[in-house]
Amino acid sequence: MDTMSRLPDPVRAAAVRAVILVAVTLVLVMIAVLCSLAMVWLAFPMVLVAVASTVITTWGVLDVWVTRQMWIQRNGVVSTPSSAARERGPFRRGRRAPSPGGAGGTGGPEGVLNSGASRGNP
């Protein structure tokens, strides 16, 4: 469970605010829907409040993203290489496969057999 690192404090604070805003907005939308279905006088004001709350919640969710991007730009990212990025071992470093034709290498891609003359081109 410790595989994910902890969010930085400013980003976590913005995320908590966003979760609270989303929860309050969902409650307000549900109240607006129920008041509309019951045809109560409170329906119209609740719809207006729900729309305003949706705008504020959108700002709150975007604030998490902006805060995260600012934190990354200011503090950088600690990067550790993945297993695919690590070296495989000393036997792969600096070695090249031997050419198929020995020292001359006539059977390789630059060799006589692969030249344009062997296909009938002048």
C-alpha atoms as a PDB file:
ATOM      1  CA  MET A   1       0.000   0.000   0.000  1.00  0.00           C
ATOM      2  CA  ASP A   2       3.022   2.282   0.216  1.00  0.00           C
ATOM      3  CA  THR A   3       3.624   2.208  -3.530  1.00  0.00           C
ATOM      4  CA  MET A   4       1.994   5.611  -4.104  1.00  0.00           C
ATOM      5  CA  SER A   5       3.815   8.597  -2.706  1.00  0.00           C
ATOM      6  CA  ARG A   6       1.990  11.117  -0.564  1.00  0.00           C
ATOM      7  CA  LEU A   7       0.606  14.203  -2.297  1.00  0.00           C
ATOM      8  CA  PRO A   8       2.304  17.484  -1.460  1.00  0.00           C
ATOM      9  CA  ASP A   9       0.443  19.504   1.184  1.00  0.00           C
ATOM     10  CA  PRO A  10      -0.870  22.280  -1.119  1.00  0.00           C
ATOM     11  CA  VAL A  11      -2.142  19.737  -3.639  1.00  0.00           C
ATOM     12  CA  ARG A  12      -3.763  17.651  -0.921  1.00  0.00           C
ATOM     13  CA  ALA A  13      -5.472  20.700   0.549  1.00  0.00           C
ATOM     14  CA  ALA A  14      -6.866  21.604  -2.887  1.00  0.00           C
ATOM     15  CA  ALA A  15      -8.036  18.014  -3.380  1.00  0.00           C
ATOM     16  CA  VAL A  16      -9.841  18.011  -0.023  1.00  0.00           C
ATOM     17  CA  ARG A  17     -11.550  21.291  -0.917  1.00  0.00           C
ATOM     18  CA  ALA A  18     -12.589  19.840  -4.273  1.00  0.00           C
ATOM     19  CA  VAL A  19     -14.057  16.696  -2.699  1.00  0.00           C
ATOM     20  CA  ILE A  20     -16.066  18.781  -0.221  1.00  0.00           C
ATOM     21  CA  LEU A  21     -17.319  21.038  -3.028  1.00  0.00           C
ATOM     22  CA  VAL A  22     -18.346  18.041  -5.134  1.00  0.00           C
ATOM     23  CA  ALA A  23     -20.216  16.498  -2.200  1.00  0.00           C
ATOM     24  CA  VAL A  24     -22.083  19.720  -1.417  1.00  0.00           C
ATOM     25  CA  THR A  25     -22.922  20.216  -5.098  1.00  0.00           C
ATOM     26  CA  LEU A  26     -24.343  16.721  -5.385  1.00  0.00           C
ATOM     27  CA  VAL A  27     -26.539  17.309  -2.349  1.00  0.00           C
ATOM     28  CA  LEU A  28     -27.767  20.631  -3.751  1.00  0.00           C
ATOM     29  CA  VAL A  29     -28.524  19.077  -7.138  1.00  0.00           C
ATOM     30  CA  MET A  30     -30.449  16.261  -5.479  1.00  0.00           C
ATOM     31  CA  ILE A  31     -32.484  18.768  -3.437  1.00  0.00           C
ATOM     32  CA  ALA A  32     -33.183  20.782  -6.603  1.00  0.00           C
ATOM     33  CA  VAL A  33     -34.364  17.667  -8.466  1.00  0.00           C
ATOM     34  CA  LEU A  34     -36.599  16.525  -5.613  1.00  0.00           C
ATOM     35  CA  CYS A  35     -38.089  20.000  -5.194  1.00  0.00           C
ATOM     36  CA  SER A  36     -38.743  20.148  -8.933  1.00  0.00           C
ATOM     37  CA  LEU A  37     -40.459  16.767  -8.913  1.00  0.00           C
ATOM     38  CA  ALA A  38     -42.595  17.794  -5.927  1.00  0.00           C
ATOM     39  CA  MET A  39     -43.402  21.150  -7.583  1.00  0.00           C
ATOM     40  CA  VAL A  40     -42.440  23.089  -4.484  1.00  0.00           C
ATOM     41  CA  TRP A  41     -41.766  26.852  -4.588  1.00  0.00           C
ATOM     42  CA  LEU A  42     -38.180  26.166  -3.466  1.00  0.00           C
ATOM     43  CA  ALA A  43     -37.368  24.428  -6.772  1.00  0.00           C
ATOM     44  CA  PHE A  44     -36.380  27.524  -8.768  1.00  0.00           C
ATOM     45  CA  PRO A  45     -34.031  28.996  -6.137  1.00  0.00           C
ATOM     46  CA  MET A  46     -32.463  25.561  -5.597  1.00  0.00           C
ATOM     47  CA  VAL A  47     -31.822  25.165  -9.318  1.00  0.00           C
ATOM     48  CA  LEU A  48     -30.073  28.545  -9.366  1.00  0.00           C
ATOM     49  CA  VAL A  49     -28.013  27.595  -6.318  1.00  0.00           C
ATOM     50  CA  ALA A  50     -27.145  24.230  -7.907  1.00  0.00           C
ATOM     51  CA  VAL A  51     -25.960  25.928 -11.106  1.00  0.00           C
ATOM     52  CA  ALA A  52     -23.810  28.374  -9.139  1.00  0.00           C
ATOM     53  CA  SER A  53     -22.451  25.523  -7.053  1.00  0.00           C
ATOM     54  CA  THR A  54     -21.549  23.612 -10.206  1.00  0.00           C
ATOM     55  CA  VAL A  55     -19.518  26.567 -11.467  1.00  0.00           C
ATOM     56  CA  ILE A  56     -17.719  26.884  -8.122  1.00  0.00           C
ATOM     57  CA  THR A  57     -17.065  23.129  -8.015  1.00  0.00           C
ATOM     58  CA  THR A  58     -15.584  23.227 -11.523  1.00  0.00           C
ATOM     59  CA  TRP A  59     -13.210  25.931 -10.328  1.00  0.00           C
ATOM     60  CA  GLY A  60     -12.322  23.820  -7.280  1.00  0.00           C
ATOM     61  CA  VAL A  61     -11.508  20.761  -9.359  1.00  0.00           C
ATOM     62  CA  LEU A  62      -9.416  22.826 -11.770  1.00  0.00           C
ATOM     63  CA  ASP A  63      -7.641  24.299  -8.752  1.00  0.00           C
ATOM     64  CA  VAL A  64      -6.308  20.841  -7.897  1.00  0.00           C
ATOM     65  CA  TRP A  65      -4.781  20.508 -11.360  1.00  0.00           C
ATOM     66  CA  VAL A  66      -3.330  24.048 -11.347  1.00  0.00           C
ATOM     67  CA  THR A  67      -1.907  23.619  -7.844  1.00  0.00           C
ATOM     68  CA  ARG A  68      -0.314  20.315  -8.829  1.00  0.00           C
ATOM     69  CA  GLN A  69       1.267  21.836 -11.947  1.00  0.00           C
ATOM     70  CA  MET A  70       2.614  24.806  -9.970  1.00  0.00           C
ATOM     71  CA  TRP A  71       4.080  22.506  -7.320  1.00  0.00           C
ATOM     72  CA  ILE A  72       5.791  20.402  -9.981  1.00  0.00           C
ATOM     73  CA  GLN A  73       7.264  23.493 -11.661  1.00  0.00           C
ATOM     74  CA  ARG A  74       8.513  24.971  -8.398  1.00  0.00           C
ATOM     75  CA  ASN A  75       9.791  21.859  -6.673  1.00  0.00           C
ATOM     76  CA  GLY A  76      10.487  19.474  -9.527  1.00  0.00           C
ATOM     77  CA  VAL A  77       9.730  15.808  -9.645  1.00  0.00           C
ATOM     78  CA  VAL A  78      11.822  13.140  -7.983  1.00  0.00           C
ATOM     79  CA  SER A  79      12.167  10.549 -10.677  1.00  0.00           C
ATOM     80  CA  THR A  80      13.393   7.018 -10.214  1.00  0.00           C
ATOM     81  CA  PRO A  81      13.994   4.814 -13.221  1.00  0.00           C
ATOM     82  CA  SER A  82      11.595   1.997 -13.840  1.00  0.00           C
ATOM     83  CA  SER A  83      12.751  -1.561 -14.296  1.00  0.00           C
ATOM     84  CA  ALA A  84      12.621  -1.081 -18.082  1.00  0.00           C
ATOM     85  CA  ALA A  85      14.986   1.908 -17.869  1.00  0.00           C
ATOM     86  CA  ARG A  86      17.654   0.190 -15.773  1.00  0.00           C
ATOM     87  CA  GLU A  87      20.716  -1.357 -17.295  1.00  0.00           C
ATOM     88  CA  ARG A  88      20.394  -5.019 -18.064  1.00  0.00           C
ATOM     89  CA  GLY A  89      23.887  -5.956 -17.074  1.00  0.00           C
ATOM     90  CA  PRO A  90      27.556  -5.590 -18.025  1.00  0.00           C
ATOM     91  CA  PHE A  91      27.347  -8.132 -20.855  1.00  0.00           C
ATOM     92  CA  ARG A  92      25.153  -5.823 -22.978  1.00  0.00           C
ATOM     93  CA  ARG A  93      27.097  -2.606 -22.513  1.00  0.00           C
ATOM     94  CA  GLY A  94      29.373  -1.568 -25.362  1.00  0.00           C
ATOM     95  CA  ARG A  95      29.171  -4.788 -27.349  1.00  0.00           C
ATOM     96  CA  ARG A  96      27.941  -5.108 -30.885  1.00  0.00           C
ATOM     97  CA  ALA A  97      26.884  -8.231 -32.663  1.00  0.00           C
ATOM     98  CA  PRO A  98      29.566  -9.650 -34.976  1.00  0.00           C
ATOM     99  CA  SER A  99      28.961  -9.103 -38.682  1.00  0.00           C
ATOM    100  CA  PRO A 100      27.747 -12.198 -40.537  1.00  0.00           C
ATOM    101  CA  GLY A 101      30.510 -12.098 -43.132  1.00  0.00           C
ATOM    102  CA  GLY A 102      33.418 -11.916 -40.743  1.00  0.00           C
ATOM    103  CA  ALA A 103      35.806  -8.930 -40.890  1.00  0.00           C
ATOM    104  CA  GLY A 104      34.794  -7.865 -44.402  1.00  0.00           C
ATOM    105  CA  GLY A 105      31.097  -8.046 -43.748  1.00  0.00           C
ATOM    106  CA  THR A 106      29.985  -8.647 -47.345  1.00  0.00           C
ATOM    107  CA  GLY A 107      26.772 -10.315 -46.196  1.00  0.00           C
ATOM    108  CA  GLY A 108      25.567  -7.319 -44.183  1.00  0.00           C
ATOM    109  CA  PRO A 109      23.248  -4.558 -45.291  1.00  0.00           C
ATOM    110  CA  GLU A 110      26.090  -2.648 -46.971  1.00  0.00           C
ATOM    111  CA  GLY A 111      27.448  -5.724 -48.705  1.00  0.00           C
ATOM    112  CA  VAL A 112      27.602  -6.695 -52.357  1.00  0.00           C
ATOM    113  CA  LEU A 113      24.615  -9.010 -52.139  1.00  0.00           C
ATOM    114  CA  ASN A 114      22.341  -6.188 -51.064  1.00  0.00           C
ATOM    115  CA  SER A 115      23.542  -3.562 -53.523  1.00  0.00           C
ATOM    116  CA  GLY A 116      21.441  -2.205 -56.372  1.00  0.00           C
ATOM    117  CA  ALA A 117      23.617  -3.986 -58.980  1.00  0.00           C
ATOM    118  CA  SER A 118      22.486  -7.425 -57.833  1.00  0.00           C
ATOM    119  CA  ARG A 119      18.869  -6.551 -58.640  1.00  0.00           C
ATOM    120  CA  GLY A 120      19.678  -5.614 -62.199  1.00  0.00           C
ATOM    121  CA  ASN A 121      19.987  -1.867 -61.616  1.00  0.00           C
ATOM    122  CA  PRO A 122      22.951  -0.161 -63.316  1.00  0.00           C
END
